[in-house]
Amino acid sequence: MATQNNPIAPPDTPDTHIRVLIADDHAVVREGLAAMINRQPDMRVVAEAPDGMEAVRRWSEQRPDVALVDLRMPRLDGVGFISQVRTLDPKARILILTTFDGDEDIYRGMRAGAKAYLLKDAPREQLLDCIRAVHAGDTFLPPNVAAKLAAQVSEERLTDREQEILKLIAAGDSNKAIARKLNISEGTVKTHVKSVLFKLGATSRTEAAAIAARRGLVQR
């Protein structure tokens, strides 16, 4: 029986905060995001990571409610992080926060299993609303991002071989050099190049390389 001097201790109060992991290779970005998130009464940052591999380790330790990850990071990029984490937990809730807005970047991120895709210049309230939406199990895509995703899904996609050739075109390789590197005939390369140009709506190799960079089909 409890006494006045020895009251019954109240049960442990569960943590009702949205527990957030931040993965970004720029320390200043992580610090700024953490400061903003920790000011919210319903959120707290439980882990930070400067690269994808460390982010997977920290996610496994903390099992956050929401992970904010950059798309381009050392050792393991954002898509790789999403793939590894969703192997551990298919219901993991991940938000991509990046500067890259190419339609292929968006497509790859959402296809990997991200619940949201935001650019780093998004308004503060939009980011906070996005974290809450993802935590609630919703998908969050700003209109401009959703439009690019819809366009990418509706377009005829490059084959794996065409993507290989596009990367070599962007690197400045000639048809002869591409044929040698891929161990195929120069005639086959010309056929693939023609298909690549058609699918991208490009009139030249230079224009194809520019379109590929803008859309995120090749790394910038």
N, C-alpha and C. Protein backbone atom coordinates (compact mmCIF):
# COMPACT_ATOMS: atom_id res chain seq x y z
N MET A 1 0.85 -1.19 0.00
CA MET A 1 0.00 0.00 0.00
C MET A 1 0.88 1.24 0.00
N ALA A 2 0.49 2.21 -0.78
CA ALA A 2 1.29 3.42 -0.86
C ALA A 2 1.06 4.29 0.36
N THR A 3 2.07 4.99 0.78
CA THR A 3 1.97 5.94 1.88
C THR A 3 2.20 7.33 1.34
N GLN A 4 1.97 8.33 2.20
CA GLN A 4 2.16 9.70 1.76
C GLN A 4 3.60 9.97 1.38
N ASN A 5 4.52 9.30 2.10
CA ASN A 5 5.94 9.53 1.85
C ASN A 5 6.49 8.62 0.75
N ASN A 6 5.68 7.66 0.36
CA ASN A 6 6.16 6.72 -0.65
C ASN A 6 5.03 6.44 -1.65
N PRO A 7 4.69 7.45 -2.45
CA PRO A 7 3.57 7.30 -3.38
C PRO A 7 3.90 6.30 -4.47
N ILE A 8 2.84 5.74 -5.02
CA ILE A 8 3.04 4.81 -6.14
C ILE A 8 3.58 5.59 -7.33
N ALA A 9 4.69 5.12 -7.91
CA ALA A 9 5.29 5.81 -9.06
C ALA A 9 4.36 5.70 -10.25
N PRO A 10 4.18 6.78 -11.00
CA PRO A 10 3.32 6.71 -12.19
C PRO A 10 3.97 5.81 -13.24
N PRO A 11 3.17 5.20 -14.10
CA PRO A 11 3.75 4.36 -15.15
C PRO A 11 4.61 5.19 -16.08
N ASP A 12 5.58 4.52 -16.71
CA ASP A 12 6.45 5.22 -17.65
C ASP A 12 5.61 5.85 -18.77
N THR A 13 5.90 7.08 -19.07
CA THR A 13 5.18 7.76 -20.14
C THR A 13 5.84 7.46 -21.48
N PRO A 14 5.12 6.91 -22.43
CA PRO A 14 5.74 6.60 -23.72
C PRO A 14 6.19 7.87 -24.43
N ASP A 15 7.25 7.73 -25.24
CA ASP A 15 7.75 8.86 -26.00
C ASP A 15 6.81 9.10 -27.18
N THR A 16 6.14 10.23 -27.16
CA THR A 16 5.17 10.52 -28.23
C THR A 16 5.78 11.36 -29.34
N HIS A 17 7.06 11.70 -29.23
CA HIS A 17 7.72 12.48 -30.26
C HIS A 17 7.86 11.65 -31.54
N ILE A 18 7.90 12.33 -32.67
CA ILE A 18 8.29 11.71 -33.94
C ILE A 18 9.81 11.64 -33.91
N ARG A 19 10.36 10.45 -33.90
CA ARG A 19 11.80 10.25 -33.77
C ARG A 19 12.41 10.26 -35.17
N VAL A 20 13.36 11.17 -35.39
CA VAL A 20 13.87 11.44 -36.74
C VAL A 20 15.36 11.14 -36.86
N LEU A 21 15.74 10.53 -37.97
CA LEU A 21 17.15 10.35 -38.35
C LEU A 21 17.44 11.28 -39.52
N ILE A 22 18.60 11.95 -39.48
CA ILE A 22 19.01 12.83 -40.57
C ILE A 22 20.29 12.27 -41.19
N ALA A 23 20.28 12.03 -42.50
CA ALA A 23 21.46 11.55 -43.22
C ALA A 23 21.81 12.53 -44.33
N ASP A 24 22.93 13.21 -44.19
CA ASP A 24 23.38 14.19 -45.19
C ASP A 24 24.87 14.35 -45.01
N ASP A 25 25.61 14.47 -46.13
CA ASP A 25 27.07 14.56 -46.02
C ASP A 25 27.56 15.96 -45.70
N HIS A 26 26.68 16.92 -45.55
CA HIS A 26 27.08 18.27 -45.17
C HIS A 26 26.71 18.53 -43.71
N ALA A 27 27.71 18.75 -42.87
CA ALA A 27 27.48 18.93 -41.44
C ALA A 27 26.58 20.13 -41.16
N VAL A 28 26.76 21.21 -41.93
CA VAL A 28 25.96 22.41 -41.71
C VAL A 28 24.47 22.12 -41.96
N VAL A 29 24.19 21.33 -42.98
CA VAL A 29 22.80 20.97 -43.29
C VAL A 29 22.22 20.15 -42.15
N ARG A 30 22.98 19.16 -41.67
CA ARG A 30 22.49 18.32 -40.57
C ARG A 30 22.21 19.16 -39.33
N GLU A 31 23.14 20.04 -39.02
CA GLU A 31 22.97 20.87 -37.82
C GLU A 31 21.75 21.78 -37.93
N GLY A 32 21.56 22.36 -39.11
CA GLY A 32 20.42 23.25 -39.31
C GLY A 32 19.10 22.50 -39.22
N LEU A 33 19.03 21.33 -39.85
CA LEU A 33 17.82 20.52 -39.78
C LEU A 33 17.53 20.07 -38.36
N ALA A 34 18.58 19.62 -37.66
CA ALA A 34 18.40 19.14 -36.29
C ALA A 34 17.87 20.26 -35.39
N ALA A 35 18.44 21.46 -35.53
CA ALA A 35 17.99 22.58 -34.70
C ALA A 35 16.53 22.90 -34.97
N MET A 36 16.14 22.89 -36.24
CA MET A 36 14.75 23.20 -36.60
C MET A 36 13.80 22.13 -36.08
N ILE A 37 14.17 20.87 -36.28
CA ILE A 37 13.29 19.76 -35.87
C ILE A 37 13.16 19.69 -34.35
N ASN A 38 14.27 19.87 -33.65
CA ASN A 38 14.23 19.77 -32.19
C ASN A 38 13.47 20.91 -31.53
N ARG A 39 13.20 21.97 -32.28
CA ARG A 39 12.38 23.05 -31.73
C ARG A 39 10.89 22.72 -31.75
N GLN A 40 10.52 21.67 -32.50
CA GLN A 40 9.11 21.30 -32.60
C GLN A 40 8.71 20.47 -31.37
N PRO A 41 7.56 20.76 -30.80
CA PRO A 41 7.15 20.04 -29.59
C PRO A 41 6.84 18.57 -29.82
N ASP A 42 6.62 18.18 -31.07
CA ASP A 42 6.24 16.80 -31.36
C ASP A 42 7.34 16.02 -32.09
N MET A 43 8.55 16.55 -32.16
CA MET A 43 9.64 15.87 -32.88
C MET A 43 10.94 15.94 -32.11
N ARG A 44 11.80 14.97 -32.36
CA ARG A 44 13.17 15.07 -31.86
C ARG A 44 14.09 14.23 -32.75
N VAL A 45 15.30 14.73 -32.95
CA VAL A 45 16.30 14.01 -33.74
C VAL A 45 17.00 13.00 -32.85
N VAL A 46 17.01 11.73 -33.27
CA VAL A 46 17.61 10.68 -32.46
C VAL A 46 18.93 10.20 -33.04
N ALA A 47 19.24 10.57 -34.30
CA ALA A 47 20.49 10.12 -34.90
C ALA A 47 20.81 10.96 -36.12
N GLU A 48 22.12 11.10 -36.40
CA GLU A 48 22.60 11.78 -37.60
C GLU A 48 23.67 10.91 -38.25
N ALA A 49 23.84 11.07 -39.57
CA ALA A 49 24.86 10.30 -40.29
C ALA A 49 25.38 11.11 -41.47
N PRO A 50 26.70 11.03 -41.74
CA PRO A 50 27.29 11.78 -42.85
C PRO A 50 27.34 11.01 -44.17
N ASP A 51 26.94 9.75 -44.16
CA ASP A 51 26.95 8.96 -45.39
C ASP A 51 25.93 7.84 -45.29
N GLY A 52 25.68 7.18 -46.41
CA GLY A 52 24.64 6.17 -46.45
C GLY A 52 24.90 4.95 -45.60
N MET A 53 26.13 4.47 -45.57
CA MET A 53 26.45 3.29 -44.77
C MET A 53 26.26 3.56 -43.28
N GLU A 54 26.74 4.71 -42.83
CA GLU A 54 26.56 5.09 -41.44
C GLU A 54 25.08 5.27 -41.13
N ALA A 55 24.34 5.80 -42.09
CA ALA A 55 22.90 6.00 -41.88
C ALA A 55 22.19 4.67 -41.67
N VAL A 56 22.56 3.65 -42.43
CA VAL A 56 21.95 2.33 -42.25
C VAL A 56 22.25 1.80 -40.86
N ARG A 57 23.49 1.97 -40.41
CA ARG A 57 23.88 1.50 -39.07
C ARG A 57 23.10 2.24 -37.99
N ARG A 58 23.02 3.56 -38.12
CA ARG A 58 22.31 4.36 -37.12
C ARG A 58 20.81 4.06 -37.15
N TRP A 59 20.26 3.81 -38.34
CA TRP A 59 18.85 3.45 -38.43
C TRP A 59 18.61 2.12 -37.70
N SER A 60 19.49 1.15 -37.89
CA SER A 60 19.34 -0.16 -37.24
C SER A 60 19.39 -0.04 -35.72
N GLU A 61 20.22 0.88 -35.23
CA GLU A 61 20.34 1.08 -33.78
C GLU A 61 19.11 1.77 -33.19
N GLN A 62 18.64 2.81 -33.88
CA GLN A 62 17.61 3.67 -33.30
C GLN A 62 16.18 3.35 -33.77
N ARG A 63 16.06 2.76 -34.95
CA ARG A 63 14.75 2.50 -35.54
C ARG A 63 13.85 3.74 -35.46
N PRO A 64 14.27 4.82 -36.11
CA PRO A 64 13.50 6.07 -36.05
C PRO A 64 12.14 5.92 -36.72
N ASP A 65 11.25 6.86 -36.40
CA ASP A 65 9.93 6.86 -37.03
C ASP A 65 10.01 7.35 -38.47
N VAL A 66 10.90 8.33 -38.70
CA VAL A 66 11.07 8.92 -40.04
C VAL A 66 12.55 9.16 -40.28
N ALA A 67 13.02 8.84 -41.47
CA ALA A 67 14.41 9.12 -41.86
C ALA A 67 14.41 10.17 -42.97
N LEU A 68 15.21 11.23 -42.78
CA LEU A 68 15.43 12.25 -43.81
C LEU A 68 16.78 11.95 -44.44
N VAL A 69 16.79 11.67 -45.74
CA VAL A 69 18.05 11.30 -46.38
C VAL A 69 18.28 12.12 -47.64
N ASP A 70 19.54 12.48 -47.85
CA ASP A 70 19.93 13.14 -49.09
C ASP A 70 20.01 12.09 -50.19
N LEU A 71 19.89 12.51 -51.43
CA LEU A 71 19.95 11.56 -52.54
C LEU A 71 21.38 11.16 -52.86
N ARG A 72 22.29 12.12 -52.82
CA ARG A 72 23.70 11.85 -53.14
C ARG A 72 24.53 11.93 -51.88
N MET A 73 25.09 10.79 -51.47
CA MET A 73 25.94 10.71 -50.28
C MET A 73 27.11 9.78 -50.55
N PRO A 74 28.22 9.93 -49.82
CA PRO A 74 29.36 9.03 -49.99
C PRO A 74 29.02 7.61 -49.55
N ARG A 75 29.80 6.67 -50.09
CA ARG A 75 29.74 5.25 -49.74
C ARG A 75 28.44 4.56 -50.15
N LEU A 76 27.31 5.17 -49.84
CA LEU A 76 26.02 4.61 -50.23
C LEU A 76 25.05 5.76 -50.43
N ASP A 77 24.42 5.83 -51.61
CA ASP A 77 23.54 6.98 -51.87
C ASP A 77 22.16 6.76 -51.24
N GLY A 78 21.29 7.75 -51.42
CA GLY A 78 19.98 7.68 -50.80
C GLY A 78 19.16 6.49 -51.25
N VAL A 79 19.21 6.17 -52.54
CA VAL A 79 18.45 5.02 -53.05
C VAL A 79 18.99 3.73 -52.45
N GLY A 80 20.32 3.62 -52.33
CA GLY A 80 20.91 2.44 -51.70
C GLY A 80 20.50 2.32 -50.24
N PHE A 81 20.46 3.45 -49.54
CA PHE A 81 20.02 3.46 -48.15
C PHE A 81 18.58 2.95 -48.05
N ILE A 82 17.72 3.48 -48.90
CA ILE A 82 16.31 3.07 -48.87
C ILE A 82 16.18 1.57 -49.11
N SER A 83 16.91 1.07 -50.09
CA SER A 83 16.82 -0.36 -50.41
C SER A 83 17.26 -1.23 -49.23
N GLN A 84 18.37 -0.85 -48.59
CA GLN A 84 18.87 -1.65 -47.46
C GLN A 84 17.93 -1.58 -46.27
N VAL A 85 17.45 -0.39 -45.96
CA VAL A 85 16.57 -0.22 -44.80
C VAL A 85 15.24 -0.93 -45.02
N ARG A 86 14.70 -0.85 -46.21
CA ARG A 86 13.41 -1.50 -46.47
C ARG A 86 13.53 -3.01 -46.53
N THR A 87 14.75 -3.51 -46.72
CA THR A 87 14.97 -4.95 -46.57
C THR A 87 14.84 -5.34 -45.10
N LEU A 88 15.30 -4.46 -44.21
CA LEU A 88 15.18 -4.70 -42.77
C LEU A 88 13.76 -4.48 -42.28
N ASP A 89 13.09 -3.48 -42.86
CA ASP A 89 11.73 -3.15 -42.45
C ASP A 89 10.99 -2.56 -43.65
N PRO A 90 10.16 -3.35 -44.33
CA PRO A 90 9.44 -2.87 -45.51
C PRO A 90 8.53 -1.67 -45.23
N LYS A 91 8.21 -1.45 -43.96
CA LYS A 91 7.32 -0.34 -43.60
C LYS A 91 8.08 0.92 -43.19
N ALA A 92 9.41 0.91 -43.34
CA ALA A 92 10.22 2.07 -42.96
C ALA A 92 9.74 3.31 -43.70
N ARG A 93 9.68 4.42 -42.98
CA ARG A 93 9.17 5.67 -43.55
C ARG A 93 10.32 6.62 -43.81
N ILE A 94 10.57 6.86 -45.10
CA ILE A 94 11.77 7.59 -45.51
C ILE A 94 11.38 8.77 -46.39
N LEU A 95 12.01 9.89 -46.14
CA LEU A 95 11.77 11.14 -46.86
C LEU A 95 13.07 11.56 -47.53
N ILE A 96 13.08 11.71 -48.82
CA ILE A 96 14.26 12.21 -49.52
C ILE A 96 14.24 13.73 -49.50
N LEU A 97 15.34 14.32 -49.04
CA LEU A 97 15.49 15.78 -49.00
C LEU A 97 16.79 16.10 -49.74
N THR A 98 16.68 16.71 -50.91
CA THR A 98 17.84 16.84 -51.78
C THR A 98 17.79 18.12 -52.60
N THR A 99 18.87 18.40 -53.29
CA THR A 99 18.90 19.53 -54.22
C THR A 99 18.63 19.06 -55.65
N PHE A 100 18.58 17.76 -55.88
CA PHE A 100 18.44 17.21 -57.22
C PHE A 100 16.97 16.97 -57.55
N ASP A 101 16.51 17.60 -58.65
CA ASP A 101 15.10 17.50 -59.00
C ASP A 101 14.87 16.91 -60.39
N GLY A 102 15.85 16.18 -60.90
CA GLY A 102 15.67 15.51 -62.19
C GLY A 102 14.59 14.46 -62.10
N ASP A 103 13.82 14.27 -63.19
CA ASP A 103 12.72 13.32 -63.12
C ASP A 103 13.19 11.89 -62.87
N GLU A 104 14.38 11.55 -63.34
CA GLU A 104 14.90 10.20 -63.08
C GLU A 104 15.29 10.07 -61.61
N ASP A 105 15.85 11.12 -61.02
CA ASP A 105 16.17 11.10 -59.59
C ASP A 105 14.90 10.83 -58.78
N ILE A 106 13.85 11.57 -59.10
CA ILE A 106 12.58 11.42 -58.39
C ILE A 106 12.02 10.01 -58.58
N TYR A 107 12.06 9.54 -59.81
CA TYR A 107 11.54 8.20 -60.12
C TYR A 107 12.29 7.12 -59.34
N ARG A 108 13.62 7.20 -59.35
CA ARG A 108 14.42 6.19 -58.65
C ARG A 108 14.15 6.21 -57.15
N GLY A 109 14.05 7.41 -56.58
CA GLY A 109 13.81 7.51 -55.15
C GLY A 109 12.46 6.96 -54.74
N MET A 110 11.42 7.32 -55.46
CA MET A 110 10.08 6.85 -55.12
C MET A 110 9.93 5.36 -55.43
N ARG A 111 10.55 4.90 -56.51
CA ARG A 111 10.48 3.48 -56.84
C ARG A 111 11.17 2.63 -55.77
N ALA A 112 12.23 3.17 -55.17
CA ALA A 112 12.95 2.44 -54.12
C ALA A 112 12.12 2.31 -52.85
N GLY A 113 11.15 3.21 -52.67
CA GLY A 113 10.28 3.10 -51.51
C GLY A 113 10.18 4.33 -50.64
N ALA A 114 10.72 5.47 -51.09
CA ALA A 114 10.58 6.70 -50.32
C ALA A 114 9.10 7.08 -50.25
N LYS A 115 8.71 7.69 -49.14
CA LYS A 115 7.33 8.13 -48.97
C LYS A 115 7.14 9.59 -49.38
N ALA A 116 8.26 10.31 -49.55
CA ALA A 116 8.17 11.72 -49.91
C ALA A 116 9.46 12.15 -50.59
N TYR A 117 9.37 13.22 -51.37
CA TYR A 117 10.53 13.75 -52.08
C TYR A 117 10.43 15.27 -52.03
N LEU A 118 11.34 15.90 -51.30
CA LEU A 118 11.35 17.35 -51.14
C LEU A 118 12.69 17.91 -51.54
N LEU A 119 12.67 19.15 -52.03
CA LEU A 119 13.91 19.85 -52.35
C LEU A 119 14.32 20.68 -51.14
N LYS A 120 15.63 20.92 -51.02
CA LYS A 120 16.15 21.60 -49.83
C LYS A 120 15.74 23.07 -49.75
N ASP A 121 15.22 23.61 -50.84
CA ASP A 121 14.75 24.99 -50.77
C ASP A 121 13.26 25.07 -50.42
N ALA A 122 12.68 23.94 -50.00
CA ALA A 122 11.28 23.92 -49.59
C ALA A 122 11.09 24.80 -48.35
N PRO A 123 9.94 25.45 -48.21
CA PRO A 123 9.66 26.24 -47.01
C PRO A 123 9.73 25.37 -45.75
N ARG A 124 10.12 25.98 -44.65
CA ARG A 124 10.27 25.26 -43.39
C ARG A 124 8.98 24.53 -43.00
N GLU A 125 7.85 25.20 -43.09
CA GLU A 125 6.59 24.59 -42.69
C GLU A 125 6.23 23.41 -43.58
N GLN A 126 6.60 23.50 -44.87
CA GLN A 126 6.31 22.38 -45.77
C GLN A 126 7.12 21.15 -45.35
N LEU A 127 8.38 21.35 -44.98
CA LEU A 127 9.20 20.22 -44.54
C LEU A 127 8.63 19.61 -43.26
N LEU A 128 8.24 20.43 -42.32
CA LEU A 128 7.69 19.92 -41.06
C LEU A 128 6.37 19.19 -41.31
N ASP A 129 5.53 19.75 -42.17
CA ASP A 129 4.28 19.08 -42.53
C ASP A 129 4.56 17.74 -43.21
N CYS A 130 5.61 17.72 -44.03
CA CYS A 130 5.98 16.50 -44.74
C CYS A 130 6.41 15.42 -43.75
N ILE A 131 7.21 15.78 -42.76
CA ILE A 131 7.64 14.80 -41.75
C ILE A 131 6.43 14.22 -41.04
N ARG A 132 5.49 15.07 -40.68
CA ARG A 132 4.28 14.61 -39.99
C ARG A 132 3.44 13.70 -40.90
N ALA A 133 3.35 14.07 -42.18
CA ALA A 133 2.57 13.26 -43.11
C ALA A 133 3.19 11.88 -43.31
N VAL A 134 4.50 11.85 -43.48
CA VAL A 134 5.20 10.57 -43.66
C VAL A 134 5.05 9.72 -42.40
N HIS A 135 5.16 10.35 -41.24
CA HIS A 135 4.99 9.60 -39.98
C HIS A 135 3.60 9.00 -39.89
N ALA A 136 2.62 9.69 -40.45
CA ALA A 136 1.24 9.20 -40.43
C ALA A 136 0.98 8.13 -41.48
N GLY A 137 1.99 7.85 -42.31
CA GLY A 137 1.85 6.82 -43.34
C GLY A 137 1.45 7.33 -44.69
N ASP A 138 1.41 8.66 -44.85
CA ASP A 138 1.01 9.25 -46.12
C ASP A 138 2.20 9.47 -47.06
N THR A 139 1.90 9.62 -48.33
CA THR A 139 2.90 10.01 -49.32
C THR A 139 2.80 11.52 -49.52
N PHE A 140 3.96 12.18 -49.65
CA PHE A 140 3.98 13.64 -49.76
C PHE A 140 4.84 14.04 -50.95
N LEU A 141 4.20 14.62 -51.96
CA LEU A 141 4.92 15.10 -53.14
C LEU A 141 4.40 16.49 -53.50
N PRO A 142 5.25 17.51 -53.47
CA PRO A 142 4.82 18.84 -53.93
C PRO A 142 4.38 18.75 -55.39
N PRO A 143 3.51 19.64 -55.83
CA PRO A 143 2.97 19.57 -57.21
C PRO A 143 4.04 19.49 -58.29
N ASN A 144 5.12 20.29 -58.16
CA ASN A 144 6.14 20.28 -59.21
C ASN A 144 6.86 18.93 -59.27
N VAL A 145 7.08 18.31 -58.11
CA VAL A 145 7.74 17.00 -58.07
C VAL A 145 6.78 15.93 -58.61
N ALA A 146 5.53 16.00 -58.22
CA ALA A 146 4.54 15.02 -58.70
C ALA A 146 4.40 15.08 -60.21
N ALA A 147 4.47 16.28 -60.78
CA ALA A 147 4.35 16.43 -62.23
C ALA A 147 5.51 15.76 -62.95
N LYS A 148 6.71 15.95 -62.40
CA LYS A 148 7.89 15.32 -63.02
C LYS A 148 7.83 13.80 -62.90
N LEU A 149 7.34 13.31 -61.78
CA LEU A 149 7.22 11.87 -61.60
C LEU A 149 6.21 11.30 -62.59
N ALA A 150 5.09 11.98 -62.76
CA ALA A 150 4.06 11.52 -63.70
C ALA A 150 4.60 11.50 -65.13
N ALA A 151 5.36 12.52 -65.49
CA ALA A 151 5.93 12.59 -66.83
C ALA A 151 6.92 11.46 -67.06
N GLN A 152 7.72 11.16 -66.04
CA GLN A 152 8.73 10.11 -66.17
C GLN A 152 8.07 8.74 -66.31
N VAL A 153 7.02 8.52 -65.54
CA VAL A 153 6.35 7.22 -65.59
C VAL A 153 5.69 7.01 -66.95
N SER A 154 5.17 8.09 -67.55
CA SER A 154 4.45 7.96 -68.82
C SER A 154 5.36 7.85 -70.02
N GLU A 155 6.63 8.26 -69.88
CA GLU A 155 7.55 8.23 -71.02
C GLU A 155 8.14 6.83 -71.22
N GLU A 156 8.54 6.58 -72.46
CA GLU A 156 9.19 5.31 -72.78
C GLU A 156 10.58 5.32 -72.15
N ARG A 157 10.87 4.32 -71.34
CA ARG A 157 12.12 4.30 -70.59
C ARG A 157 13.26 3.69 -71.41
N LEU A 158 14.46 4.12 -71.10
CA LEU A 158 15.64 3.56 -71.75
C LEU A 158 15.88 2.15 -71.22
N THR A 159 16.37 1.29 -72.10
CA THR A 159 16.77 -0.04 -71.65
C THR A 159 18.08 0.07 -70.88
N ASP A 160 18.47 -1.02 -70.22
CA ASP A 160 19.73 -1.01 -69.46
C ASP A 160 20.91 -0.72 -70.39
N ARG A 161 20.89 -1.31 -71.58
CA ARG A 161 21.98 -1.09 -72.53
C ARG A 161 21.99 0.36 -73.00
N GLU A 162 20.82 0.91 -73.26
CA GLU A 162 20.75 2.31 -73.68
C GLU A 162 21.24 3.25 -72.58
N GLN A 163 20.95 2.92 -71.34
CA GLN A 163 21.45 3.74 -70.23
C GLN A 163 22.97 3.68 -70.16
N GLU A 164 23.53 2.49 -70.39
CA GLU A 164 24.99 2.36 -70.42
C GLU A 164 25.59 3.27 -71.50
N ILE A 165 24.99 3.20 -72.67
CA ILE A 165 25.50 3.97 -73.80
C ILE A 165 25.32 5.47 -73.56
N LEU A 166 24.20 5.86 -72.98
CA LEU A 166 23.98 7.27 -72.67
C LEU A 166 25.05 7.81 -71.73
N LYS A 167 25.42 7.03 -70.73
CA LYS A 167 26.47 7.47 -69.79
C LYS A 167 27.80 7.66 -70.52
N LEU A 168 28.09 6.79 -71.47
CA LEU A 168 29.34 6.91 -72.23
C LEU A 168 29.28 8.08 -73.21
N ILE A 169 28.10 8.34 -73.77
CA ILE A 169 27.92 9.52 -74.62
C ILE A 169 28.19 10.78 -73.79
N ALA A 170 27.61 10.82 -72.58
CA ALA A 170 27.79 11.98 -71.71
C ALA A 170 29.25 12.15 -71.30
N ALA A 171 29.99 11.04 -71.27
CA ALA A 171 31.42 11.11 -70.93
C ALA A 171 32.27 11.54 -72.11
N GLY A 172 31.63 11.66 -73.31
CA GLY A 172 32.34 12.13 -74.49
C GLY A 172 32.90 11.04 -75.38
N ASP A 173 32.52 9.79 -75.13
CA ASP A 173 33.05 8.68 -75.92
C ASP A 173 32.44 8.64 -77.32
N SER A 174 33.25 8.28 -78.30
CA SER A 174 32.77 8.11 -79.67
C SER A 174 32.09 6.75 -79.79
N ASN A 175 31.40 6.54 -80.92
CA ASN A 175 30.77 5.23 -81.15
C ASN A 175 31.81 4.11 -81.13
N LYS A 176 32.97 4.38 -81.73
CA LYS A 176 34.02 3.38 -81.77
C LYS A 176 34.50 3.03 -80.36
N ALA A 177 34.68 4.05 -79.52
CA ALA A 177 35.13 3.82 -78.15
C ALA A 177 34.07 3.07 -77.35
N ILE A 178 32.81 3.41 -77.57
CA ILE A 178 31.72 2.73 -76.87
C ILE A 178 31.67 1.26 -77.27
N ALA A 179 31.81 1.00 -78.57
CA ALA A 179 31.79 -0.38 -79.06
C ALA A 179 32.90 -1.19 -78.42
N ARG A 180 34.07 -0.59 -78.29
CA ARG A 180 35.21 -1.29 -77.70
C ARG A 180 34.96 -1.57 -76.21
N LYS A 181 34.45 -0.57 -75.49
CA LYS A 181 34.22 -0.74 -74.06
C LYS A 181 33.14 -1.76 -73.75
N LEU A 182 32.11 -1.81 -74.59
CA LEU A 182 30.98 -2.71 -74.34
C LEU A 182 31.10 -4.03 -75.10
N ASN A 183 32.15 -4.13 -75.90
CA ASN A 183 32.40 -5.36 -76.66
C ASN A 183 31.22 -5.69 -77.59
N ILE A 184 30.75 -4.65 -78.30
CA ILE A 184 29.71 -4.84 -79.29
C ILE A 184 30.15 -4.14 -80.57
N SER A 185 29.43 -4.38 -81.67
CA SER A 185 29.83 -3.78 -82.94
C SER A 185 29.48 -2.30 -82.98
N GLU A 186 30.20 -1.57 -83.82
CA GLU A 186 29.94 -0.14 -83.95
C GLU A 186 28.55 0.09 -84.55
N GLY A 187 28.11 -0.82 -85.40
CA GLY A 187 26.78 -0.71 -85.97
C GLY A 187 25.70 -0.82 -84.90
N THR A 188 25.92 -1.74 -83.95
CA THR A 188 24.97 -1.90 -82.85
C THR A 188 24.93 -0.64 -82.00
N VAL A 189 26.10 -0.04 -81.78
CA VAL A 189 26.15 1.20 -81.02
C VAL A 189 25.33 2.28 -81.71
N LYS A 190 25.51 2.41 -83.03
CA LYS A 190 24.77 3.43 -83.78
C LYS A 190 23.26 3.24 -83.64
N THR A 191 22.82 1.99 -83.66
CA THR A 191 21.39 1.70 -83.50
C THR A 191 20.89 2.14 -82.13
N HIS A 192 21.68 1.83 -81.10
CA HIS A 192 21.30 2.20 -79.74
C HIS A 192 21.32 3.73 -79.57
N VAL A 193 22.32 4.38 -80.14
CA VAL A 193 22.41 5.84 -80.03
C VAL A 193 21.18 6.48 -80.68
N LYS A 194 20.79 5.97 -81.82
CA LYS A 194 19.60 6.51 -82.50
C LYS A 194 18.36 6.36 -81.62
N SER A 195 18.23 5.22 -80.95
CA SER A 195 17.09 4.98 -80.07
C SER A 195 17.12 5.91 -78.86
N VAL A 196 18.33 6.12 -78.32
CA VAL A 196 18.49 7.02 -77.16
C VAL A 196 18.07 8.43 -77.52
N LEU A 197 18.55 8.91 -78.66
CA LEU A 197 18.20 10.27 -79.09
C LEU A 197 16.69 10.41 -79.29
N PHE A 198 16.08 9.38 -79.87
CA PHE A 198 14.63 9.43 -80.11
C PHE A 198 13.85 9.49 -78.81
N LYS A 199 14.22 8.62 -77.86
CA LYS A 199 13.50 8.55 -76.59
C LYS A 199 13.67 9.83 -75.76
N LEU A 200 14.82 10.48 -75.88
CA LEU A 200 15.06 11.70 -75.13
C LEU A 200 14.56 12.94 -75.85
N GLY A 201 14.18 12.77 -77.11
CA GLY A 201 13.75 13.93 -77.90
C GLY A 201 14.92 14.84 -78.22
N ALA A 202 16.11 14.26 -78.37
CA ALA A 202 17.32 15.03 -78.64
C ALA A 202 17.69 14.93 -80.12
N THR A 203 18.33 15.98 -80.63
CA THR A 203 18.73 15.99 -82.04
C THR A 203 20.23 15.75 -82.21
N SER A 204 20.96 15.69 -81.10
CA SER A 204 22.40 15.47 -81.17
C SER A 204 22.89 14.79 -79.89
N ARG A 205 24.10 14.30 -79.95
CA ARG A 205 24.70 13.66 -78.77
C ARG A 205 24.89 14.68 -77.65
N THR A 206 25.28 15.89 -78.02
CA THR A 206 25.49 16.94 -77.02
C THR A 206 24.18 17.27 -76.31
N GLU A 207 23.12 17.38 -77.09
CA GLU A 207 21.82 17.68 -76.48
C GLU A 207 21.35 16.52 -75.61
N ALA A 208 21.62 15.29 -76.04
CA ALA A 208 21.25 14.11 -75.25
C ALA A 208 21.96 14.12 -73.91
N ALA A 209 23.26 14.49 -73.93
CA ALA A 209 24.03 14.54 -72.68
C ALA A 209 23.48 15.61 -71.75
N ALA A 210 23.08 16.76 -72.32
CA ALA A 210 22.52 17.85 -71.51
C ALA A 210 21.19 17.44 -70.89
N ILE A 211 20.34 16.79 -71.67
CA ILE A 211 19.04 16.33 -71.18
C ILE A 211 19.25 15.29 -70.08
N ALA A 212 20.20 14.38 -70.30
CA ALA A 212 20.47 13.33 -69.32
C ALA A 212 20.92 13.91 -67.99
N ALA A 213 21.77 14.94 -68.04
CA ALA A 213 22.24 15.58 -66.81
C ALA A 213 21.10 16.29 -66.10
N ARG A 214 20.26 16.98 -66.86
CA ARG A 214 19.16 17.73 -66.27
C ARG A 214 18.13 16.80 -65.63
N ARG A 215 17.88 15.67 -66.26
CA ARG A 215 16.87 14.76 -65.74
C ARG A 215 17.40 13.79 -64.69
N GLY A 216 18.71 13.78 -64.48
CA GLY A 216 19.27 12.87 -63.48
C GLY A 216 19.55 11.48 -64.01
N LEU A 217 19.60 11.35 -65.35
CA LEU A 217 19.91 10.04 -65.95
C LEU A 217 21.39 9.72 -65.84
N VAL A 218 22.21 10.74 -65.72
CA VAL A 218 23.64 10.56 -65.47
C VAL A 218 24.01 11.45 -64.29
N GLN A 219 25.03 11.04 -63.55
CA GLN A 219 25.47 11.80 -62.38
C GLN A 219 26.18 13.07 -62.81
N ARG A 220 25.84 14.17 -62.14
CA ARG A 220 26.51 15.44 -62.45
C ARG A 220 27.67 15.65 -61.49
